[in-house]
Amino acid sequence: MGELCSDKMKTNPMKTPALPQRLTLAVICLAAAWSGSPRLNGAEKDVLNYEAQRAAPAGTRRIVFIAAKGTHGGRGNHEFQAGSHYFARRINATYPNAYAVVYTDDKWPKDLSNADAVVVLLNHAAQAAEDPGIKAAVERGAGFMAIHFGVEVNKGVQGDNFLKWMGGYFETFWSVNPWWEPQMTVAAEHPTARGVKPFVIKDEWYYHMRFVEEMKGVTPILSAVAPVNTVNFTDKASDRGGNEEVLRAVKAGEPQHLAWAFERPDGGRGYGFTGFHNFANLTNDSFRTALLNGIAWVSKLDVPAGGVASATPTAAELEALMDEVHGPATPAAK
């Protein structure tokens, strides 16, 4: 039993066992946790349900991912479910005291009473911003992180919650969402910046976020000066394309913050990351490390000096993970 739940049973960290094996692992390894035998490690842990996570030993950092099940613009775009499985497996493989599980937006978690961090990758995060389970988890100190479209909520109650939970959010008629290649600078003195080097990569990088007043508690992690052609504004503001204020800021050369860490007054942590439209960008080491570091940090896991380690995934490995989530691609999709 111990051998089944050990690293000896791990195969490719991008791959999940077939359903019958997953169910067997869930039953056997949950029993092992109760009996004191080694619990499940690494690549397989994200296939277990939340009840297994709840039964993990005291001191375990429990991380819950909530991911949009579909894509947005076709295969390889907004691959939030595949991305969540990738992140959960890397965190589980790296930290013996972490236990990450993945939910989809059509099977929303009903119990977050033991969650130490919640990470959302959603096509607009209205549901998350008003979810009483997430609100209660954050209010008792759980970390909160949002990625890409998951940083956008509606102004008002939803936006106010995101300001409290992670210090900033995408606000329509204020923020913009262009495709561009920022010359990324990296904050030097923050755990989430460890192992992250300046980089350039094309993505739909949102910027001109709505932050808390005076950026209190916010540490910019990834920043860049946006070119004027990323703002689409003449005389009428659009919901996501541009407005007078963002055009003024860009013309003035003000750095725009594309990822940030937030220390809440209650000691909880938040992290926002505006990129990740393009799943293939996980092959960029600094891009990927900034995300993994953020997940670890909001969960109050120690971030190593070189950042959360991960081998560069190949295009074939990312394809295999999408196959696992969606089924094999049709010739047209490839």
C-alpha atoms as a PDB file:
ATOM      1  CA  MET A   1       0.000   0.000   0.000  1.00  0.00           C
ATOM      2  CA  GLY A   2       2.784   2.435   0.889  1.00  0.00           C
ATOM      3  CA  GLU A   3       4.529   1.734  -2.389  1.00  0.00           C
ATOM      4  CA  LEU A   4       1.359   2.439  -4.364  1.00  0.00           C
ATOM      5  CA  CYS A   5       1.091   5.864  -2.765  1.00  0.00           C
ATOM      6  CA  SER A   6       4.783   6.728  -3.100  1.00  0.00           C
ATOM      7  CA  ASP A   7       6.798   8.504  -5.735  1.00  0.00           C
ATOM      8  CA  LYS A   8       7.722   5.082  -7.140  1.00  0.00           C
ATOM      9  CA  MET A   9       4.300   4.927  -8.739  1.00  0.00           C
ATOM     10  CA  LYS A  10       4.563   8.310 -10.484  1.00  0.00           C
ATOM     11  CA  THR A  11       4.928   8.358 -14.238  1.00  0.00           C
ATOM     12  CA  ASN A  12       4.927  11.419 -16.438  1.00  0.00           C
ATOM     13  CA  PRO A  13       3.957  14.354 -14.170  1.00  0.00           C
ATOM     14  CA  MET A  14       1.808  15.701 -17.015  1.00  0.00           C
ATOM     15  CA  LYS A  15      -0.372  12.578 -17.068  1.00  0.00           C
ATOM     16  CA  THR A  16      -3.245  11.417 -14.857  1.00  0.00           C
ATOM     17  CA  PRO A  17      -4.130   7.727 -14.415  1.00  0.00           C
ATOM     18  CA  ALA A  18      -7.254   6.382 -16.116  1.00  0.00           C
ATOM     19  CA  LEU A  19     -10.503   6.652 -14.168  1.00  0.00           C
ATOM     20  CA  PRO A  20     -10.538   3.098 -12.690  1.00  0.00           C
ATOM     21  CA  GLN A  21      -6.973   3.538 -11.467  1.00  0.00           C
ATOM     22  CA  ARG A  22      -7.830   6.982 -10.087  1.00  0.00           C
ATOM     23  CA  LEU A  23     -10.705   5.579  -8.074  1.00  0.00           C
ATOM     24  CA  THR A  24      -8.512   2.761  -6.786  1.00  0.00           C
ATOM     25  CA  LEU A  25      -5.787   5.212  -5.806  1.00  0.00           C
ATOM     26  CA  ALA A  26      -8.314   7.427  -4.051  1.00  0.00           C
ATOM     27  CA  VAL A  27      -9.674   4.587  -1.936  1.00  0.00           C
ATOM     28  CA  ILE A  28      -6.345   2.942  -1.155  1.00  0.00           C
ATOM     29  CA  CYS A  29      -4.440   6.136  -0.423  1.00  0.00           C
ATOM     30  CA  LEU A  30      -7.182   7.631   1.717  1.00  0.00           C
ATOM     31  CA  ALA A  31      -7.132   4.404   3.726  1.00  0.00           C
ATOM     32  CA  ALA A  32      -3.352   4.692   3.912  1.00  0.00           C
ATOM     33  CA  ALA A  33      -3.616   8.218   5.294  1.00  0.00           C
ATOM     34  CA  TRP A  34      -5.965   6.989   8.017  1.00  0.00           C
ATOM     35  CA  SER A  35      -3.702   4.038   8.870  1.00  0.00           C
ATOM     36  CA  GLY A  36      -0.541   6.118   9.069  1.00  0.00           C
ATOM     37  CA  SER A  37       0.997   4.766   5.854  1.00  0.00           C
ATOM     38  CA  PRO A  38       2.595   7.171   3.361  1.00  0.00           C
ATOM     39  CA  ARG A  39      -0.048   9.256   1.620  1.00  0.00           C
ATOM     40  CA  LEU A  40      -0.304   9.944  -2.069  1.00  0.00           C
ATOM     41  CA  ASN A  41       2.368  12.203  -3.518  1.00  0.00           C
ATOM     42  CA  GLY A  42       2.986  14.138  -6.684  1.00  0.00           C
ATOM     43  CA  ALA A  43       1.334  13.682 -10.011  1.00  0.00           C
ATOM     44  CA  GLU A  44      -1.704  11.702  -8.882  1.00  0.00           C
ATOM     45  CA  LYS A  45      -2.895  13.800  -5.949  1.00  0.00           C
ATOM     46  CA  ASP A  46      -4.995  16.229  -7.963  1.00  0.00           C
ATOM     47  CA  VAL A  47      -7.314  13.417  -9.091  1.00  0.00           C
ATOM     48  CA  LEU A  48      -8.554  12.806  -5.563  1.00  0.00           C
ATOM     49  CA  ASN A  49     -11.694  14.475  -4.279  1.00  0.00           C
ATOM     50  CA  TYR A  50     -11.938  17.070  -1.549  1.00  0.00           C
ATOM     51  CA  GLU A  51     -12.907  14.509   1.072  1.00  0.00           C
ATOM     52  CA  ALA A  52      -9.505  12.900   0.606  1.00  0.00           C
ATOM     53  CA  GLN A  53      -7.911  16.318   0.890  1.00  0.00           C
ATOM     54  CA  ARG A  54      -9.763  16.996   4.133  1.00  0.00           C
ATOM     55  CA  ALA A  55      -8.369  13.747   5.572  1.00  0.00           C
ATOM     56  CA  ALA A  56      -4.769  14.783   4.897  1.00  0.00           C
ATOM     57  CA  PRO A  57      -2.504  15.066   7.962  1.00  0.00           C
ATOM     58  CA  ALA A  58      -2.552  18.152  10.166  1.00  0.00           C
ATOM     59  CA  GLY A  59      -0.291  20.877   8.840  1.00  0.00           C
ATOM     60  CA  THR A  60      -1.088  20.156   5.203  1.00  0.00           C
ATOM     61  CA  ARG A  61      -1.618  23.272   3.098  1.00  0.00           C
ATOM     62  CA  ARG A  62      -4.839  22.612   1.192  1.00  0.00           C
ATOM     63  CA  ILE A  63      -5.115  24.418  -2.148  1.00  0.00           C
ATOM     64  CA  VAL A  64      -8.283  24.477  -4.232  1.00  0.00           C
ATOM     65  CA  PHE A  65      -8.215  25.397  -7.933  1.00  0.00           C
ATOM     66  CA  ILE A  66     -11.473  26.417  -9.631  1.00  0.00           C
ATOM     67  CA  ALA A  67     -11.126  26.386 -13.404  1.00  0.00           C
ATOM     68  CA  ALA A  68     -13.360  27.180 -16.352  1.00  0.00           C
ATOM     69  CA  LYS A  69     -14.077  23.874 -18.041  1.00  0.00           C
ATOM     70  CA  GLY A  70     -14.213  25.140 -21.622  1.00  0.00           C
ATOM     71  CA  THR A  71     -11.849  27.232 -23.691  1.00  0.00           C
ATOM     72  CA  HIS A  72     -12.206  30.738 -25.092  1.00  0.00           C
ATOM     73  CA  GLY A  73     -11.215  30.981 -28.721  1.00  0.00           C
ATOM     74  CA  GLY A  74     -10.434  27.328 -29.355  1.00  0.00           C
ATOM     75  CA  ARG A  75      -7.894  24.771 -28.243  1.00  0.00           C
ATOM     76  CA  GLY A  76      -4.845  26.266 -26.561  1.00  0.00           C
ATOM     77  CA  ASN A  77      -6.719  29.415 -25.471  1.00  0.00           C
ATOM     78  CA  HIS A  78      -7.921  29.810 -21.882  1.00  0.00           C
ATOM     79  CA  GLU A  79      -6.909  26.222 -21.159  1.00  0.00           C
ATOM     80  CA  PHE A  80      -7.695  26.838 -17.525  1.00  0.00           C
ATOM     81  CA  GLN A  81      -8.647  23.280 -16.641  1.00  0.00           C
ATOM     82  CA  ALA A  82      -5.493  21.851 -18.176  1.00  0.00           C
ATOM     83  CA  GLY A  83      -3.458  24.647 -16.601  1.00  0.00           C
ATOM     84  CA  SER A  84      -4.927  23.998 -13.166  1.00  0.00           C
ATOM     85  CA  HIS A  85      -4.008  20.322 -13.366  1.00  0.00           C
ATOM     86  CA  TYR A  86      -0.495  21.273 -14.411  1.00  0.00           C
ATOM     87  CA  PHE A  87      -0.093  23.698 -11.487  1.00  0.00           C
ATOM     88  CA  ALA A  88      -1.659  21.328  -8.948  1.00  0.00           C
ATOM     89  CA  ARG A  89       0.657  18.503  -9.972  1.00  0.00           C
ATOM     90  CA  ARG A  90       3.755  20.662  -9.793  1.00  0.00           C
ATOM     91  CA  ILE A  91       2.829  22.000  -6.352  1.00  0.00           C
ATOM     92  CA  ASN A  92       1.962  18.520  -5.087  1.00  0.00           C
ATOM     93  CA  ALA A  93       5.194  17.067  -6.460  1.00  0.00           C
ATOM     94  CA  THR A  94       7.281  19.868  -4.959  1.00  0.00           C
ATOM     95  CA  TYR A  95       5.775  20.221  -1.493  1.00  0.00           C
ATOM     96  CA  PRO A  96       5.197  17.141   0.703  1.00  0.00           C
ATOM     97  CA  ASN A  97       2.990  19.299   2.949  1.00  0.00           C
ATOM     98  CA  ALA A  98       0.756  20.560   0.114  1.00  0.00           C
ATOM     99  CA  TYR A  99      -2.397  18.991  -1.236  1.00  0.00           C
ATOM    100  CA  ALA A 100      -3.926  20.676  -4.295  1.00  0.00           C
ATOM    101  CA  VAL A 101      -7.197  19.622  -5.902  1.00  0.00           C
ATOM    102  CA  VAL A 102      -8.953  20.879  -9.038  1.00  0.00           C
ATOM    103  CA  TYR A 103     -12.603  21.764  -9.494  1.00  0.00           C
ATOM    104  CA  THR A 104     -14.333  23.028 -12.634  1.00  0.00           C
ATOM    105  CA  ASP A 105     -16.852  25.830 -12.791  1.00  0.00           C
ATOM    106  CA  ASP A 106     -19.661  23.386 -13.580  1.00  0.00           C
ATOM    107  CA  LYS A 107     -18.827  21.401 -10.424  1.00  0.00           C
ATOM    108  CA  TRP A 108     -18.205  24.250  -8.010  1.00  0.00           C
ATOM    109  CA  PRO A 109     -16.743  23.289  -4.611  1.00  0.00           C
ATOM    110  CA  LYS A 110     -19.407  23.168  -1.916  1.00  0.00           C
ATOM    111  CA  ASP A 111     -17.043  23.053   1.037  1.00  0.00           C
ATOM    112  CA  LEU A 112     -14.031  25.340   1.400  1.00  0.00           C
ATOM    113  CA  SER A 113     -13.931  25.244   5.190  1.00  0.00           C
ATOM    114  CA  ASN A 114     -10.472  23.622   5.169  1.00  0.00           C
ATOM    115  CA  ALA A 115      -8.988  25.458   2.190  1.00  0.00           C
ATOM    116  CA  ASP A 116      -5.763  27.337   2.859  1.00  0.00           C
ATOM    117  CA  ALA A 117      -5.781  28.951  -0.590  1.00  0.00           C
ATOM    118  CA  VAL A 118      -8.191  29.330  -3.505  1.00  0.00           C
ATOM    119  CA  VAL A 119      -6.923  29.889  -7.053  1.00  0.00           C
ATOM    120  CA  VAL A 120      -9.416  30.844  -9.770  1.00  0.00           C
ATOM    121  CA  LEU A 121      -8.938  30.579 -13.535  1.00  0.00           C
ATOM    122  CA  LEU A 122     -12.329  31.605 -14.891  1.00  0.00           C
ATOM    123  CA  ASN A 123     -13.879  33.317 -17.886  1.00  0.00           C
ATOM    124  CA  HIS A 124     -14.931  36.276 -15.736  1.00  0.00           C
ATOM    125  CA  ALA A 125     -14.895  35.724 -11.984  1.00  0.00           C
ATOM    126  CA  ALA A 126     -18.298  37.091 -10.950  1.00  0.00           C
ATOM    127  CA  GLN A 127     -19.296  33.779  -9.373  1.00  0.00           C
ATOM    128  CA  ALA A 128     -16.080  33.601  -7.372  1.00  0.00           C
ATOM    129  CA  ALA A 129     -16.362  37.194  -6.180  1.00  0.00           C
ATOM    130  CA  GLU A 130     -19.797  36.533  -4.704  1.00  0.00           C
ATOM    131  CA  ASP A 131     -19.273  32.969  -3.525  1.00  0.00           C
ATOM    132  CA  PRO A 132     -19.938  32.725   0.231  1.00  0.00           C
ATOM    133  CA  GLY A 133     -17.538  29.805   0.589  1.00  0.00           C
ATOM    134  CA  ILE A 134     -14.612  31.742  -0.879  1.00  0.00           C
ATOM    135  CA  LYS A 135     -15.545  34.829   1.128  1.00  0.00           C
ATOM    136  CA  ALA A 136     -15.586  32.829   4.367  1.00  0.00           C
ATOM    137  CA  ALA A 137     -12.291  31.118   3.523  1.00  0.00           C
ATOM    138  CA  VAL A 138     -10.551  34.426   2.811  1.00  0.00           C
ATOM    139  CA  GLU A 139     -11.993  36.037   5.936  1.00  0.00           C
ATOM    140  CA  ARG A 140     -10.431  33.312   8.085  1.00  0.00           C
ATOM    141  CA  GLY A 141      -7.058  33.889   6.363  1.00  0.00           C
ATOM    142  CA  ALA A 142      -6.966  31.706   3.238  1.00  0.00           C
ATOM    143  CA  GLY A 143      -4.913  32.986   0.337  1.00  0.00           C
ATOM    144  CA  PHE A 144      -6.581  34.035  -2.907  1.00  0.00           C
ATOM    145  CA  MET A 145      -5.175  34.156  -6.420  1.00  0.00           C
ATOM    146  CA  ALA A 146      -6.744  34.951  -9.785  1.00  0.00           C
ATOM    147  CA  ILE A 147      -5.262  34.351 -13.234  1.00  0.00           C
ATOM    148  CA  HIS A 148      -6.052  36.034 -16.573  1.00  0.00           C
ATOM    149  CA  PHE A 149      -9.822  36.443 -17.161  1.00  0.00           C
ATOM    150  CA  GLY A 150     -10.207  35.380 -13.538  1.00  0.00           C
ATOM    151  CA  VAL A 151      -8.979  38.837 -12.451  1.00  0.00           C
ATOM    152  CA  GLU A 152     -12.033  40.496 -14.044  1.00  0.00           C
ATOM    153  CA  VAL A 153     -15.161  41.124 -11.996  1.00  0.00           C
ATOM    154  CA  ASN A 154     -17.884  43.751 -12.056  1.00  0.00           C
ATOM    155  CA  LYS A 155     -17.463  47.081 -10.331  1.00  0.00           C
ATOM    156  CA  GLY A 156     -19.301  47.258  -7.039  1.00  0.00           C
ATOM    157  CA  VAL A 157     -19.608  44.403  -4.541  1.00  0.00           C
ATOM    158  CA  GLN A 158     -17.550  42.050  -6.714  1.00  0.00           C
ATOM    159  CA  GLY A 159     -14.759  44.562  -7.255  1.00  0.00           C
ATOM    160  CA  ASP A 160     -14.746  45.541  -3.592  1.00  0.00           C
ATOM    161  CA  ASN A 161     -14.291  41.890  -2.616  1.00  0.00           C
ATOM    162  CA  PHE A 162     -11.384  41.448  -5.021  1.00  0.00           C
ATOM    163  CA  LEU A 163      -9.743  44.585  -3.668  1.00  0.00           C
ATOM    164  CA  LYS A 164      -9.976  43.093  -0.177  1.00  0.00           C
ATOM    165  CA  TRP A 165      -8.846  39.640  -1.286  1.00  0.00           C
ATOM    166  CA  MET A 166      -5.965  40.403  -3.659  1.00  0.00           C
ATOM    167  CA  GLY A 167      -5.546  44.168  -3.828  1.00  0.00           C
ATOM    168  CA  GLY A 168      -6.616  44.703  -7.429  1.00  0.00           C
ATOM    169  CA  TYR A 169      -8.813  43.589 -10.309  1.00  0.00           C
ATOM    170  CA  PHE A 170      -9.707  44.271 -13.942  1.00  0.00           C
ATOM    171  CA  GLU A 171     -12.385  46.969 -14.055  1.00  0.00           C
ATOM    172  CA  THR A 172     -14.179  47.620 -17.339  1.00  0.00           C
ATOM    173  CA  PHE A 173     -13.939  51.185 -18.707  1.00  0.00           C
ATOM    174  CA  TRP A 174     -10.721  51.523 -16.666  1.00  0.00           C
ATOM    175  CA  SER A 175      -8.509  48.509 -17.506  1.00  0.00           C
ATOM    176  CA  VAL A 176      -7.553  47.251 -20.985  1.00  0.00           C
ATOM    177  CA  ASN A 177      -6.854  43.810 -22.461  1.00  0.00           C
ATOM    178  CA  PRO A 178      -4.624  44.093 -25.550  1.00  0.00           C
ATOM    179  CA  TRP A 179      -2.401  41.457 -27.104  1.00  0.00           C
ATOM    180  CA  TRP A 180       1.190  42.693 -26.843  1.00  0.00           C
ATOM    181  CA  GLU A 181       4.774  41.721 -25.999  1.00  0.00           C
ATOM    182  CA  PRO A 182       5.800  43.596 -22.852  1.00  0.00           C
ATOM    183  CA  GLN A 183       9.459  44.035 -21.983  1.00  0.00           C
ATOM    184  CA  MET A 184       8.927  42.610 -18.534  1.00  0.00           C
ATOM    185  CA  THR A 185      10.782  43.914 -15.511  1.00  0.00           C
ATOM    186  CA  VAL A 186      10.743  41.883 -12.304  1.00  0.00           C
ATOM    187  CA  ALA A 187      10.510  43.009  -8.689  1.00  0.00           C
ATOM    188  CA  ALA A 188      13.820  42.127  -7.086  1.00  0.00           C
ATOM    189  CA  GLU A 189      12.819  41.698  -3.441  1.00  0.00           C
ATOM    190  CA  HIS A 190       9.792  39.470  -3.122  1.00  0.00           C
ATOM    191  CA  PRO A 191       9.437  35.685  -2.770  1.00  0.00           C
ATOM    192  CA  THR A 192       7.208  35.459  -5.851  1.00  0.00           C
ATOM    193  CA  ALA A 193       9.994  36.966  -7.968  1.00  0.00           C
ATOM    194  CA  ARG A 194      12.562  34.299  -7.083  1.00  0.00           C
ATOM    195  CA  GLY A 195      13.967  32.620 -10.147  1.00  0.00           C
ATOM    196  CA  VAL A 196      12.029  34.953 -12.455  1.00  0.00           C
ATOM    197  CA  LYS A 197      14.151  36.831 -14.981  1.00  0.00           C
ATOM    198  CA  PRO A 198      13.127  39.699 -17.264  1.00  0.00           C
ATOM    199  CA  PHE A 199      11.374  38.235 -20.298  1.00  0.00           C
ATOM    200  CA  VAL A 200       9.313  39.076 -23.355  1.00  0.00           C
ATOM    201  CA  ILE A 201       6.349  36.969 -24.437  1.00  0.00           C
ATOM    202  CA  LYS A 202       3.219  37.686 -26.424  1.00  0.00           C
ATOM    203  CA  ASP A 203      -0.036  37.229 -24.570  1.00  0.00           C
ATOM    204  CA  GLU A 204      -3.247  39.055 -23.815  1.00  0.00           C
ATOM    205  CA  TRP A 205      -1.697  40.965 -20.932  1.00  0.00           C
ATOM    206  CA  TYR A 206      -4.313  43.043 -19.128  1.00  0.00           C
ATOM    207  CA  TYR A 207      -3.109  46.250 -17.537  1.00  0.00           C
ATOM    208  CA  HIS A 208      -4.164  49.477 -15.808  1.00  0.00           C
ATOM    209  CA  MET A 209      -5.737  47.440 -13.033  1.00  0.00           C
ATOM    210  CA  ARG A 210      -7.935  48.979 -10.386  1.00  0.00           C
ATOM    211  CA  PHE A 211      -5.805  48.758  -7.249  1.00  0.00           C
ATOM    212  CA  VAL A 212      -6.425  49.571  -3.603  1.00  0.00           C
ATOM    213  CA  GLU A 213      -5.845  53.184  -2.644  1.00  0.00           C
ATOM    214  CA  GLU A 214      -2.184  54.199  -2.643  1.00  0.00           C
ATOM    215  CA  MET A 215      -1.289  50.584  -3.568  1.00  0.00           C
ATOM    216  CA  LYS A 216      -1.270  49.846   0.157  1.00  0.00           C
ATOM    217  CA  GLY A 217      -0.107  46.271   0.671  1.00  0.00           C
ATOM    218  CA  VAL A 218       0.515  45.753  -3.067  1.00  0.00           C
ATOM    219  CA  THR A 219       3.940  44.780  -4.423  1.00  0.00           C
ATOM    220  CA  PRO A 220       4.244  44.886  -8.229  1.00  0.00           C
ATOM    221  CA  ILE A 221       5.958  41.706  -9.434  1.00  0.00           C
ATOM    222  CA  LEU A 222       5.869  41.949 -13.250  1.00  0.00           C
ATOM    223  CA  SER A 223       5.700  45.396 -14.835  1.00  0.00           C
ATOM    224  CA  ALA A 224       6.206  46.965 -18.241  1.00  0.00           C
ATOM    225  CA  VAL A 225       5.732  50.238 -20.078  1.00  0.00           C
ATOM    226  CA  ALA A 226       2.921  49.730 -22.563  1.00  0.00           C
ATOM    227  CA  PRO A 227       3.157  51.117 -26.104  1.00  0.00           C
ATOM    228  CA  VAL A 228       0.519  53.656 -27.100  1.00  0.00           C
ATOM    229  CA  ASN A 229      -0.845  51.346 -29.787  1.00  0.00           C
ATOM    230  CA  THR A 230      -2.169  49.024 -27.066  1.00  0.00           C
ATOM    231  CA  VAL A 231      -4.813  51.649 -26.213  1.00  0.00           C
ATOM    232  CA  ASN A 232      -7.785  51.943 -28.535  1.00  0.00           C
ATOM    233  CA  PHE A 233      -9.262  55.318 -27.565  1.00  0.00           C
ATOM    234  CA  THR A 234     -10.124  58.471 -29.448  1.00  0.00           C
ATOM    235  CA  ASP A 235     -13.050  60.297 -27.891  1.00  0.00           C
ATOM    236  CA  LYS A 236     -15.248  57.556 -26.434  1.00  0.00           C
ATOM    237  CA  ALA A 237     -14.236  55.031 -23.792  1.00  0.00           C
ATOM    238  CA  SER A 238     -14.779  51.327 -24.475  1.00  0.00           C
ATOM    239  CA  ASP A 239     -15.305  48.613 -21.901  1.00  0.00           C
ATOM    240  CA  ARG A 240     -11.934  46.935 -22.465  1.00  0.00           C
ATOM    241  CA  GLY A 241     -10.171  48.776 -25.266  1.00  0.00           C
ATOM    242  CA  GLY A 242      -9.254  52.139 -23.818  1.00  0.00           C
ATOM    243  CA  ASN A 243     -10.207  55.307 -22.015  1.00  0.00           C
ATOM    244  CA  GLU A 244      -8.828  58.769 -21.442  1.00  0.00           C
ATOM    245  CA  GLU A 245      -7.065  57.905 -18.193  1.00  0.00           C
ATOM    246  CA  VAL A 246      -5.238  54.830 -19.470  1.00  0.00           C
ATOM    247  CA  LEU A 247      -4.136  56.739 -22.575  1.00  0.00           C
ATOM    248  CA  ARG A 248      -2.727  59.514 -20.385  1.00  0.00           C
ATOM    249  CA  ALA A 249      -0.835  56.987 -18.235  1.00  0.00           C
ATOM    250  CA  VAL A 250       0.627  55.196 -21.244  1.00  0.00           C
ATOM    251  CA  LYS A 251       1.703  58.426 -22.946  1.00  0.00           C
ATOM    252  CA  ALA A 252       3.409  59.430 -19.696  1.00  0.00           C
ATOM    253  CA  GLY A 253       5.376  56.168 -19.694  1.00  0.00           C
ATOM    254  CA  GLU A 254       3.966  54.976 -16.382  1.00  0.00           C
ATOM    255  CA  PRO A 255       4.851  51.315 -15.723  1.00  0.00           C
ATOM    256  CA  GLN A 256       1.850  49.013 -15.826  1.00  0.00           C
ATOM    257  CA  HIS A 257       1.681  46.142 -13.355  1.00  0.00           C
ATOM    258  CA  LEU A 258       0.811  42.776 -14.899  1.00  0.00           C
ATOM    259  CA  ALA A 259       1.332  40.613 -11.822  1.00  0.00           C
ATOM    260  CA  TRP A 260       1.254  41.678  -8.204  1.00  0.00           C
ATOM    261  CA  ALA A 261       1.385  40.317  -4.669  1.00  0.00           C
ATOM    262  CA  PHE A 262      -0.876  41.613  -1.927  1.00  0.00           C
ATOM    263  CA  GLU A 263      -0.493  41.350   1.829  1.00  0.00           C
ATOM    264  CA  ARG A 264      -3.855  41.795   3.470  1.00  0.00           C
ATOM    265  CA  PRO A 265      -4.184  43.596   6.815  1.00  0.00           C
ATOM    266  CA  ASP A 266      -5.355  40.296   8.364  1.00  0.00           C
ATOM    267  CA  GLY A 267      -2.143  38.540   7.327  1.00  0.00           C
ATOM    268  CA  GLY A 268      -3.699  36.720   4.377  1.00  0.00           C
ATOM    269  CA  ARG A 269      -2.169  36.905   0.922  1.00  0.00           C
ATOM    270  CA  GLY A 270      -3.387  37.604  -2.587  1.00  0.00           C
ATOM    271  CA  TYR A 271      -1.792  37.407  -6.017  1.00  0.00           C
ATOM    272  CA  GLY A 272      -2.996  38.555  -9.428  1.00  0.00           C
ATOM    273  CA  PHE A 273      -1.550  37.512 -12.798  1.00  0.00           C
ATOM    274  CA  THR A 274      -3.077  39.019 -15.925  1.00  0.00           C
ATOM    275  CA  GLY A 275      -1.503  36.828 -18.636  1.00  0.00           C
ATOM    276  CA  PHE A 276      -2.094  33.165 -19.562  1.00  0.00           C
ATOM    277  CA  HIS A 277      -4.489  33.379 -22.470  1.00  0.00           C
ATOM    278  CA  ASN A 278      -2.001  31.226 -24.393  1.00  0.00           C
ATOM    279  CA  PHE A 279      -1.429  27.793 -22.825  1.00  0.00           C
ATOM    280  CA  ALA A 280       1.814  27.352 -24.784  1.00  0.00           C
ATOM    281  CA  ASN A 281       3.372  30.189 -22.782  1.00  0.00           C
ATOM    282  CA  LEU A 282       4.027  27.676 -19.997  1.00  0.00           C
ATOM    283  CA  THR A 283       7.123  26.747 -21.988  1.00  0.00           C
ATOM    284  CA  ASN A 284       8.636  30.097 -20.948  1.00  0.00           C
ATOM    285  CA  ASP A 285      10.543  29.402 -17.733  1.00  0.00           C
ATOM    286  CA  SER A 286      10.070  32.830 -16.116  1.00  0.00           C
ATOM    287  CA  PHE A 287       6.382  33.042 -17.063  1.00  0.00           C
ATOM    288  CA  ARG A 288       5.755  29.603 -15.559  1.00  0.00           C
ATOM    289  CA  THR A 289       7.846  30.229 -12.448  1.00  0.00           C
ATOM    290  CA  ALA A 290       6.037  33.490 -11.665  1.00  0.00           C
ATOM    291  CA  LEU A 291       2.749  31.579 -11.660  1.00  0.00           C
ATOM    292  CA  LEU A 292       4.013  28.675  -9.550  1.00  0.00           C
ATOM    293  CA  ASN A 293       5.666  31.061  -7.091  1.00  0.00           C
ATOM    294  CA  GLY A 294       2.414  32.979  -6.719  1.00  0.00           C
ATOM    295  CA  ILE A 295       0.452  29.818  -5.978  1.00  0.00           C
ATOM    296  CA  ALA A 296       2.981  28.707  -3.386  1.00  0.00           C
ATOM    297  CA  TRP A 297       3.203  32.139  -1.761  1.00  0.00           C
ATOM    298  CA  VAL A 298      -0.541  32.716  -1.324  1.00  0.00           C
ATOM    299  CA  SER A 299      -0.697  29.222   0.194  1.00  0.00           C
ATOM    300  CA  LYS A 300       2.037  30.205   2.680  1.00  0.00           C
ATOM    301  CA  LEU A 301       4.425  27.610   1.335  1.00  0.00           C
ATOM    302  CA  ASP A 302       8.113  28.539   1.335  1.00  0.00           C
ATOM    303  CA  VAL A 303       9.311  29.684  -2.074  1.00  0.00           C
ATOM    304  CA  PRO A 304      12.858  28.380  -2.739  1.00  0.00           C
ATOM    305  CA  ALA A 305      15.661  30.801  -3.545  1.00  0.00           C
ATOM    306  CA  GLY A 306      15.468  29.843  -7.226  1.00  0.00           C
ATOM    307  CA  GLY A 307      11.671  29.765  -7.325  1.00  0.00           C
ATOM    308  CA  VAL A 308       9.401  26.735  -7.479  1.00  0.00           C
ATOM    309  CA  ALA A 309      11.334  24.305  -9.651  1.00  0.00           C
ATOM    310  CA  SER A 310       9.809  22.801 -12.789  1.00  0.00           C
ATOM    311  CA  ALA A 311      11.201  21.263 -15.940  1.00  0.00           C
ATOM    312  CA  THR A 312      10.296  23.118 -19.110  1.00  0.00           C
ATOM    313  CA  PRO A 313       7.273  21.288 -20.530  1.00  0.00           C
ATOM    314  CA  THR A 314       7.468  20.326 -24.174  1.00  0.00           C
ATOM    315  CA  ALA A 315       4.777  21.195 -26.690  1.00  0.00           C
ATOM    316  CA  ALA A 316       3.972  17.479 -26.865  1.00  0.00           C
ATOM    317  CA  GLU A 317       3.452  17.315 -23.086  1.00  0.00           C
ATOM    318  CA  LEU A 318       1.101  20.275 -23.168  1.00  0.00           C
ATOM    319  CA  GLU A 319      -0.798  18.671 -26.049  1.00  0.00           C
ATOM    320  CA  ALA A 320      -1.092  15.464 -24.026  1.00  0.00           C
ATOM    321  CA  LEU A 321      -2.526  17.373 -21.084  1.00  0.00           C
ATOM    322  CA  MET A 322      -5.108  19.047 -23.326  1.00  0.00           C
ATOM    323  CA  ASP A 323      -5.937  15.614 -24.747  1.00  0.00           C
ATOM    324  CA  GLU A 324      -6.486  14.376 -21.218  1.00  0.00           C
ATOM    325  CA  VAL A 325      -8.890  17.212 -20.453  1.00  0.00           C
ATOM    326  CA  HIS A 326     -10.729  17.615 -23.773  1.00  0.00           C
ATOM    327  CA  GLY A 327      -9.960  14.443 -25.680  1.00  0.00           C
ATOM    328  CA  PRO A 328      -7.614  14.235 -28.684  1.00  0.00           C
ATOM    329  CA  ALA A 329      -7.633  17.238 -30.988  1.00  0.00           C
ATOM    330  CA  THR A 330      -9.253  16.973 -34.373  1.00  0.00           C
ATOM    331  CA  PRO A 331      -6.993  17.639 -37.368  1.00  0.00           C
ATOM    332  CA  ALA A 332      -8.688  21.029 -37.777  1.00  0.00           C
ATOM    333  CA  ALA A 333      -7.959  21.971 -34.136  1.00  0.00           C
ATOM    334  CA  LYS A 334      -4.285  21.132 -34.557  1.00  0.00           C
END
